[in-house]
Amino acid sequence: MSKNLNLYFDNAATSWPKPEAVYRAPETQMREASGNPGRSGHTRTLESDRLLYKTRETLGRLFNISDPSRVVFAYNGTDALNIALKGFLEKGDHVLYTAMEHNSVLRPLGRLRRDGLIDTTMIPCSETGYPDLDYLETAYHPNTTLLVVNHASNVTGTIAPLPEIIKSAHNRRVKVLVDAAQTAGVIPIDVQKEAIDMLAFTGHKGLLGPTGTGGLYVSPDIDLKPLREGGTGSQSESDVHPESMPERLEAGTLNSAGLAGLLEGVNFILEQGFEQTRKKEEELRDYLWNNLRSINGITLYGPETSPGRTVAVVSLTVEGADCGEVGYILESSYGILCRTGLHCAPLAHQAIGTHPEGTVRLSPGFFTTKKDIDFLIQALVEIVQLASG
């Protein structure tokens, strides 16, 4: 089998390729605008101001956020989660989280716990990645203030049952922080209809934007403490950071060039429509899963094919082969790019039984074709034959 040229199956880490407008927009912003937003009154600064507002407004359309000022820009999803966790939690709080959480949640919570500020309880998950809702009902404490849930696992692709989880938490007046790193731009999210209190998202995955972009939605009834303080271009006479949103949670010069690209990524999604993009990714994931399940020597992890249960992520192991070795062979012999290991989600791998070795993760994206998947499947067939000796 001849080597192909960089077939990309790592969209769960960052999407590639991007729409052409996403590549052009940052260069245009740097060449033709590039003013520091909020810092001056000249034309270039005002153009940058308009860009930021338009990006907030367009993200508001995507997530049904009525007030764009509740959209806070961040450097990525991890940054957004840190803003939410460290801005919301107080000493003595108790936090619930699921076994499918990413280290972007586990590590901030671990730091706060080790510093003696909070207590935490993990909600176990099944071997397919579903949270144990019966356990959840018994896990609340009198001082539980926050529940954190990964909307879709970056290991198994499993979509969490948000309506049931949010209802359970709200029945006890517990706020919910949703990590939408794997779902923003991939499946419809309506923060008002779903009563989401905080939504953290990254720009460079399903939203098809550049790296170094992301954000956090904060509902109007939540007032977060700033994680960072400094220059905003407003109230410069005071050494107190502005109280008004979104400046309250933003400090320093924002990534205008990156946000210009993010705006184009979101525009592309809105123009395509969720019905088309979601249907295509489900078809690709199901096609990949159904072909892999028939290969002796490959074990698949996560839910079987079923509409609405997963995003386009498939994790597998090859009998007799280290997952890192499989990833190396895929790239060096076939030009196929994927992700191997623990995917920054060690508890998820414990839940599905693949810790500490991890898995080979394959994540097709909007621009993946069935022809790409056919080539990948044939490569894996040959690797399985090699591993079996």
Protein backbone atom coordinates (compact mmCIF):
# COMPACT_ATOMS: atom_id res chain seq x y z
CA MET A 1 0.00 0.00 0.00
CA SER A 2 1.52 3.30 -1.06
CA LYS A 3 2.01 6.17 1.38
CA ASN A 4 -0.55 8.95 1.16
CA LEU A 5 0.16 12.59 1.99
CA ASN A 6 -0.78 13.74 5.49
CA LEU A 7 -4.29 12.42 5.88
CA TYR A 8 -5.46 14.27 8.98
CA PHE A 9 -7.40 12.39 11.66
CA ASP A 10 -6.66 14.62 14.65
CA ASN A 11 -9.51 17.11 14.55
CA ALA A 12 -10.31 16.52 18.23
CA ALA A 13 -6.95 18.16 19.00
CA THR A 14 -7.29 20.98 16.46
CA SER A 15 -9.28 21.12 13.24
CA TRP A 16 -7.53 21.07 9.88
CA PRO A 17 -7.89 22.22 7.23
CA LYS A 18 -9.76 25.45 7.93
CA PRO A 19 -12.09 27.34 5.59
CA GLU A 20 -10.05 29.61 3.32
CA ALA A 21 -11.52 32.75 4.91
CA VAL A 22 -10.08 31.69 8.30
CA TYR A 23 -6.57 31.83 6.84
CA ARG A 24 -7.11 35.20 5.15
CA ALA A 25 -8.82 37.09 7.98
CA PRO A 26 -5.89 37.29 10.46
CA GLU A 27 -3.56 38.63 7.75
CA THR A 28 -6.13 41.20 6.67
CA GLN A 29 -6.62 42.26 10.28
CA MET A 30 -2.88 42.70 10.85
CA ARG A 31 -2.29 44.53 7.56
CA GLU A 32 -5.36 46.74 7.37
CA ALA A 33 -6.55 47.29 10.94
CA SER A 34 -4.28 46.07 13.75
CA GLY A 35 -5.21 48.87 16.13
CA ASN A 36 -5.23 48.04 19.83
CA PRO A 37 -8.94 47.69 20.68
CA GLY A 38 -10.20 50.10 23.32
CA ARG A 39 -6.87 51.94 23.62
CA SER A 40 -7.28 54.86 21.24
CA GLY A 41 -9.84 56.77 19.21
CA HIS A 42 -8.27 56.49 15.78
CA THR A 43 -9.61 54.58 12.81
CA ARG A 44 -7.60 51.38 13.23
CA THR A 45 -8.52 51.02 16.88
CA LEU A 46 -12.20 51.58 16.12
CA GLU A 47 -12.04 48.95 13.39
CA SER A 48 -10.59 46.46 15.88
CA ASP A 49 -13.32 47.40 18.38
CA ARG A 50 -15.96 46.64 15.76
CA LEU A 51 -14.33 43.31 14.96
CA LEU A 52 -14.41 42.21 18.61
CA TYR A 53 -18.03 43.24 19.03
CA LYS A 54 -19.03 41.47 15.83
CA THR A 55 -17.25 38.30 16.96
CA ARG A 56 -19.05 38.38 20.34
CA GLU A 57 -22.35 39.01 18.58
CA THR A 58 -21.80 36.15 16.10
CA LEU A 59 -20.88 33.74 18.89
CA GLY A 60 -24.06 34.91 20.57
CA ARG A 61 -26.02 33.86 17.47
CA LEU A 62 -24.32 30.47 17.52
CA PHE A 63 -25.07 29.76 21.20
CA ASN A 64 -28.29 31.85 21.53
CA ILE A 65 -26.70 34.38 23.89
CA SER A 66 -28.85 37.50 23.90
CA ASP A 67 -26.27 39.83 25.48
CA PRO A 68 -22.86 39.82 23.69
CA SER A 69 -21.20 41.35 26.76
CA ARG A 70 -21.63 37.97 28.49
CA VAL A 71 -19.15 36.47 26.00
CA VAL A 72 -15.64 36.74 27.44
CA PHE A 73 -12.66 36.10 25.18
CA ALA A 74 -9.97 33.71 26.38
CA TYR A 75 -6.76 32.25 24.98
CA ASN A 76 -8.32 28.77 24.60
CA GLY A 77 -10.76 26.42 26.33
CA THR A 78 -8.36 25.72 29.20
CA ASP A 79 -8.01 29.42 29.89
CA ALA A 80 -11.79 29.83 29.82
CA LEU A 81 -12.22 26.99 32.31
CA ASN A 82 -9.64 28.53 34.63
CA ILE A 83 -11.48 31.87 34.48
CA ALA A 84 -14.73 30.10 35.39
CA LEU A 85 -13.42 27.81 38.13
CA LYS A 86 -11.14 30.25 39.90
CA GLY A 87 -13.57 33.11 39.47
CA PHE A 88 -16.59 31.25 40.80
CA LEU A 89 -15.37 29.01 43.61
CA GLU A 90 -14.99 30.18 47.20
CA LYS A 91 -13.24 28.60 50.17
CA GLY A 92 -15.35 25.79 51.57
CA ASP A 93 -17.19 25.01 48.32
CA HIS A 94 -17.82 21.46 47.14
CA VAL A 95 -17.57 20.65 43.41
CA LEU A 96 -18.87 17.72 41.39
CA TYR A 97 -17.20 16.62 38.16
CA THR A 98 -17.31 13.56 35.91
CA ALA A 99 -14.67 10.94 35.19
CA MET A 100 -14.59 12.09 31.57
CA GLU A 101 -13.14 15.51 32.39
CA HIS A 102 -10.01 16.81 30.68
CA ASN A 103 -6.95 17.96 32.62
CA SER A 104 -8.10 21.51 31.89
CA VAL A 105 -10.67 20.83 34.62
CA LEU A 106 -8.88 18.20 36.72
CA ARG A 107 -5.72 20.25 37.29
CA PRO A 108 -7.35 23.55 38.36
CA LEU A 109 -9.66 21.62 40.68
CA GLY A 110 -6.70 19.62 41.96
CA ARG A 111 -4.79 22.80 42.74
CA LEU A 112 -7.72 24.34 44.62
CA ARG A 113 -8.26 21.08 46.53
CA ARG A 114 -4.59 20.69 47.49
CA ASP A 115 -4.54 24.31 48.66
CA GLY A 116 -7.35 23.42 51.07
CA LEU A 117 -9.89 25.71 49.41
CA ILE A 118 -12.46 23.23 48.07
CA ASP A 119 -13.63 19.62 48.26
CA THR A 120 -14.52 17.57 45.21
CA THR A 121 -16.42 14.42 44.26
CA MET A 122 -15.99 12.55 40.99
CA ILE A 123 -19.05 11.13 39.24
CA PRO A 124 -18.04 7.73 37.81
CA CYS A 125 -18.72 6.87 34.18
CA SER A 126 -19.43 3.63 32.36
CA GLU A 127 -17.02 1.87 30.01
CA THR A 128 -18.68 3.76 27.16
CA GLY A 129 -18.24 7.12 28.88
CA TYR A 130 -21.72 7.84 30.24
CA PRO A 131 -21.95 9.51 33.67
CA ASP A 132 -23.66 7.49 36.41
CA LEU A 133 -26.76 9.61 37.00
CA ASP A 134 -27.89 7.50 39.97
CA TYR A 135 -24.56 8.16 41.67
CA LEU A 136 -24.91 11.85 40.86
CA GLU A 137 -28.17 12.02 42.81
CA THR A 138 -26.34 10.83 45.95
CA ALA A 139 -23.21 12.95 45.50
CA TYR A 140 -24.46 16.43 46.46
CA HIS A 141 -23.32 17.97 49.72
CA PRO A 142 -24.93 20.88 51.56
CA ASN A 143 -22.02 23.04 50.35
CA THR A 144 -22.05 21.86 46.70
CA THR A 145 -22.03 24.97 44.53
CA LEU A 146 -20.82 23.79 41.11
CA LEU A 147 -21.08 20.81 38.79
CA VAL A 148 -18.60 20.58 35.90
CA VAL A 149 -19.42 18.38 32.92
CA ASN A 150 -17.54 17.61 29.73
CA HIS A 151 -20.19 17.97 27.03
CA ALA A 152 -18.47 15.34 24.89
CA SER A 153 -15.47 13.19 25.76
CA ASN A 154 -12.28 13.74 23.80
CA VAL A 155 -11.48 10.05 24.36
CA THR A 156 -14.70 8.23 23.43
CA GLY A 157 -16.74 11.00 21.80
CA THR A 158 -19.59 10.25 24.22
CA ILE A 159 -22.08 13.13 24.53
CA ALA A 160 -23.16 13.72 28.12
CA PRO A 161 -26.92 13.87 28.86
CA LEU A 162 -26.92 17.61 29.57
CA PRO A 163 -30.67 18.07 30.18
CA GLU A 164 -30.75 15.45 32.94
CA ILE A 165 -27.50 16.67 34.51
CA ILE A 166 -28.50 20.33 34.49
CA LYS A 167 -31.96 19.57 35.88
CA SER A 168 -30.43 17.51 38.70
CA ALA A 169 -28.05 20.33 39.62
CA HIS A 170 -30.56 23.14 39.34
CA ASN A 171 -33.04 21.26 41.52
CA ARG A 172 -30.44 21.77 44.26
CA ARG A 173 -29.51 25.33 43.23
CA VAL A 174 -26.11 24.14 42.00
CA LYS A 175 -24.61 25.95 39.01
CA VAL A 176 -23.35 24.04 35.96
CA LEU A 177 -20.16 24.71 34.00
CA VAL A 178 -20.14 22.99 30.59
CA ASP A 179 -16.84 22.23 28.85
CA ALA A 180 -17.78 22.47 25.17
CA ALA A 181 -14.28 21.98 23.74
CA GLN A 182 -15.45 19.03 21.61
CA THR A 183 -18.98 20.24 20.85
CA ALA A 184 -18.87 23.97 20.10
CA GLY A 185 -19.50 24.29 16.38
CA VAL A 186 -20.22 20.57 16.06
CA ILE A 187 -23.64 20.19 17.68
CA PRO A 188 -26.24 22.89 18.43
CA ILE A 189 -25.88 24.53 21.86
CA ASP A 190 -28.59 26.87 23.17
CA VAL A 191 -27.53 28.33 26.51
CA GLN A 192 -30.99 29.73 27.21
CA LYS A 193 -33.04 26.70 26.26
CA GLU A 194 -30.63 24.36 28.05
CA ALA A 195 -30.25 26.71 31.06
CA ILE A 196 -26.45 26.57 30.92
CA ASP A 197 -24.85 28.74 33.61
CA MET A 198 -21.33 28.86 32.14
CA LEU A 199 -20.06 27.55 28.81
CA ALA A 200 -16.34 27.26 28.08
CA PHE A 201 -15.25 26.79 24.47
CA THR A 202 -12.11 26.82 22.38
CA GLY A 203 -11.84 28.42 18.95
CA HIS A 204 -9.47 26.07 17.15
CA LYS A 205 -11.47 22.83 17.10
CA GLY A 206 -15.09 22.59 15.96
CA LEU A 207 -15.36 26.36 15.55
CA LEU A 208 -12.67 26.06 12.83
CA GLY A 209 -10.75 29.12 14.04
CA PRO A 210 -7.06 29.68 14.80
CA THR A 211 -5.27 28.48 17.89
CA GLY A 212 -4.99 30.97 20.73
CA THR A 213 -8.71 31.76 20.67
CA GLY A 214 -11.62 30.74 22.84
CA GLY A 215 -14.12 32.09 25.28
CA LEU A 216 -16.53 31.76 28.15
CA TYR A 217 -20.23 32.49 28.38
CA VAL A 218 -21.31 33.64 31.83
CA SER A 219 -25.02 33.85 32.63
CA PRO A 220 -26.28 37.20 33.95
CA ASP A 221 -26.87 35.87 37.47
CA ILE A 222 -23.20 34.89 37.96
CA ASP A 223 -20.51 37.38 38.97
CA LEU A 224 -17.02 35.93 38.59
CA LYS A 225 -13.90 37.26 40.28
CA PRO A 226 -11.31 38.35 37.67
CA LEU A 227 -8.48 35.89 37.06
CA ARG A 228 -6.35 38.65 35.54
CA GLU A 229 -6.37 42.40 36.07
CA GLY A 230 -4.66 45.19 34.15
CA GLY A 231 -5.15 47.38 31.14
CA THR A 232 -8.55 47.55 29.48
CA GLY A 233 -8.49 51.05 27.98
CA SER A 234 -11.37 52.10 30.23
CA GLN A 235 -11.37 53.74 33.69
CA SER A 236 -7.61 54.19 33.38
CA GLU A 237 -7.54 56.67 36.26
CA SER A 238 -8.38 53.90 38.75
CA ASP A 239 -6.27 51.04 40.13
CA VAL A 240 -9.48 49.00 40.41
CA HIS A 241 -10.26 46.74 37.46
CA PRO A 242 -13.57 47.64 35.72
CA GLU A 243 -16.67 45.92 37.06
CA SER A 244 -18.65 45.90 33.81
CA MET A 245 -18.66 42.91 31.46
CA PRO A 246 -16.82 41.78 29.44
CA GLU A 247 -13.91 43.99 30.64
CA ARG A 248 -14.29 42.56 34.16
CA LEU A 249 -12.89 39.23 32.97
CA GLU A 250 -10.54 40.48 30.23
CA ALA A 251 -7.23 42.29 30.69
CA GLY A 252 -4.48 43.24 28.29
CA THR A 253 -4.48 43.31 24.52
CA LEU A 254 -6.75 40.70 22.99
CA ASN A 255 -5.80 38.47 20.06
CA SER A 256 -7.59 40.54 17.42
CA ALA A 257 -5.96 38.74 14.50
CA GLY A 258 -6.91 35.33 15.87
CA LEU A 259 -10.43 36.48 16.66
CA ALA A 260 -10.80 37.71 13.07
CA GLY A 261 -10.12 34.14 12.00
CA LEU A 262 -12.50 32.78 14.63
CA LEU A 263 -15.25 35.04 13.33
CA GLU A 264 -14.83 33.56 9.86
CA GLY A 265 -14.89 30.03 11.26
CA VAL A 266 -18.17 30.70 13.08
CA ASN A 267 -19.61 32.39 9.98
CA PHE A 268 -18.75 29.28 7.96
CA ILE A 269 -20.60 27.06 10.46
CA LEU A 270 -23.66 29.31 10.47
CA GLU A 271 -23.70 29.41 6.66
CA GLN A 272 -23.41 25.63 6.37
CA GLY A 273 -26.03 25.02 9.05
CA PHE A 274 -25.79 22.53 11.88
CA GLU A 275 -28.06 20.05 10.15
CA GLN A 276 -25.58 19.57 7.31
CA THR A 277 -22.35 19.65 9.34
CA ARG A 278 -23.70 17.39 12.10
CA LYS A 279 -25.10 14.88 9.61
CA LYS A 280 -21.78 14.70 7.75
CA GLU A 281 -19.69 14.13 10.88
CA GLU A 282 -22.11 11.48 12.17
CA GLU A 283 -21.93 9.68 8.85
CA LEU A 284 -18.13 9.76 8.86
CA ARG A 285 -17.91 8.52 12.45
CA ASP A 286 -20.41 5.72 11.81
CA TYR A 287 -18.65 4.71 8.59
CA LEU A 288 -15.31 4.56 10.40
CA TRP A 289 -16.71 2.67 13.39
CA ASN A 290 -18.66 0.12 11.34
CA ASN A 291 -15.64 -0.71 9.19
CA LEU A 292 -13.24 -0.99 12.13
CA ARG A 293 -15.51 -3.20 14.23
CA SER A 294 -15.16 -6.03 11.70
CA ILE A 295 -11.35 -6.13 11.94
CA ASN A 296 -10.12 -8.90 14.26
CA GLY A 297 -7.39 -7.57 16.52
CA ILE A 298 -8.89 -4.10 16.97
CA THR A 299 -10.81 -3.13 20.10
CA LEU A 300 -13.06 -0.06 19.94
CA TYR A 301 -14.02 2.14 22.91
CA GLY A 302 -17.13 4.23 23.38
CA PRO A 303 -20.75 3.98 22.25
CA GLU A 304 -21.64 2.06 19.13
CA THR A 305 -23.11 3.91 16.18
CA SER A 306 -26.29 5.76 17.07
CA PRO A 307 -27.47 9.24 16.06
CA GLY A 308 -26.95 11.88 18.72
CA ARG A 309 -24.78 9.80 21.05
CA THR A 310 -21.28 10.83 20.01
CA VAL A 311 -19.14 13.38 18.26
CA ALA A 312 -16.69 12.26 15.55
CA VAL A 313 -14.14 10.56 17.81
CA VAL A 314 -13.13 6.88 17.71
CA SER A 315 -10.60 5.36 20.11
CA LEU A 316 -9.05 1.95 19.55
CA THR A 317 -6.25 -0.39 20.51
CA VAL A 318 -4.48 -2.96 18.36
CA GLU A 319 -3.83 -6.34 19.94
CA GLY A 320 -0.10 -6.92 20.37
CA ALA A 321 0.92 -3.34 19.55
CA ASP A 322 1.66 -0.27 21.66
CA CYS A 323 -0.62 2.60 20.73
CA GLY A 324 2.34 4.96 20.29
CA GLU A 325 3.89 2.49 17.88
CA VAL A 326 0.65 2.28 15.90
CA GLY A 327 0.54 6.07 15.63
CA TYR A 328 4.15 6.16 14.48
CA ILE A 329 3.55 3.55 11.78
CA LEU A 330 0.42 5.32 10.57
CA GLU A 331 2.39 8.49 9.96
CA SER A 332 5.76 7.12 8.85
CA SER A 333 4.42 4.42 6.54
CA TYR A 334 1.07 5.82 5.43
CA GLY A 335 1.14 9.59 6.03
CA ILE A 336 -1.84 9.38 8.40
CA LEU A 337 -1.86 11.76 11.36
CA CYS A 338 -3.67 10.86 14.59
CA ARG A 339 -3.33 11.16 18.39
CA THR A 340 -2.15 8.45 20.77
CA GLY A 341 -1.78 8.12 24.54
CA LEU A 342 -3.97 9.42 27.36
CA HIS A 343 -5.26 12.56 25.61
CA CYS A 344 -4.92 14.65 28.79
CA ALA A 345 -7.84 12.70 30.28
CA PRO A 346 -6.43 10.03 32.61
CA LEU A 347 -9.65 9.38 34.53
CA ALA A 348 -11.52 8.77 31.28
CA HIS A 349 -9.00 6.09 30.35
CA GLN A 350 -9.37 4.54 33.79
CA ALA A 351 -13.13 4.43 33.24
CA ILE A 352 -12.88 2.67 29.87
CA GLY A 353 -10.03 0.36 30.95
CA THR A 354 -7.17 1.72 28.84
CA HIS A 355 -5.04 3.34 31.56
CA PRO A 356 -2.07 3.79 31.58
CA GLU A 357 -1.29 2.83 27.98
CA GLY A 358 -4.05 4.89 26.36
CA THR A 359 -5.52 4.48 22.91
CA VAL A 360 -5.13 5.44 19.28
CA ARG A 361 -7.64 8.25 18.70
CA LEU A 362 -9.04 8.92 15.23
CA SER A 363 -11.10 12.07 14.78
CA PRO A 364 -12.37 12.94 11.30
CA GLY A 365 -13.60 16.45 10.61
CA PHE A 366 -15.81 18.42 8.26
CA PHE A 367 -13.34 18.15 5.38
CA THR A 368 -12.60 14.42 5.79
CA THR A 369 -13.88 12.14 3.01
CA LYS A 370 -14.92 8.50 2.94
CA LYS A 371 -12.00 7.92 0.58
CA ASP A 372 -9.67 9.14 3.36
CA ILE A 373 -11.32 6.70 5.77
CA ASP A 374 -10.99 3.81 3.29
CA PHE A 375 -7.25 4.46 3.09
CA LEU A 376 -7.01 4.60 6.91
CA ILE A 377 -8.91 1.34 7.32
CA GLN A 378 -6.65 -0.48 4.89
CA ALA A 379 -3.61 0.84 6.72
CA LEU A 380 -4.96 -0.46 10.03
CA VAL A 381 -5.68 -3.85 8.47
CA GLU A 382 -2.01 -4.07 7.45
CA ILE A 383 -0.83 -2.93 10.90
CA VAL A 384 -3.01 -5.57 12.60
CA GLN A 385 -1.52 -8.24 10.33
CA LEU A 386 1.98 -7.01 11.19
CA ALA A 387 1.21 -7.02 14.93
CA SER A 388 -0.20 -10.55 14.84
CA GLY A 389 3.06 -11.78 13.35
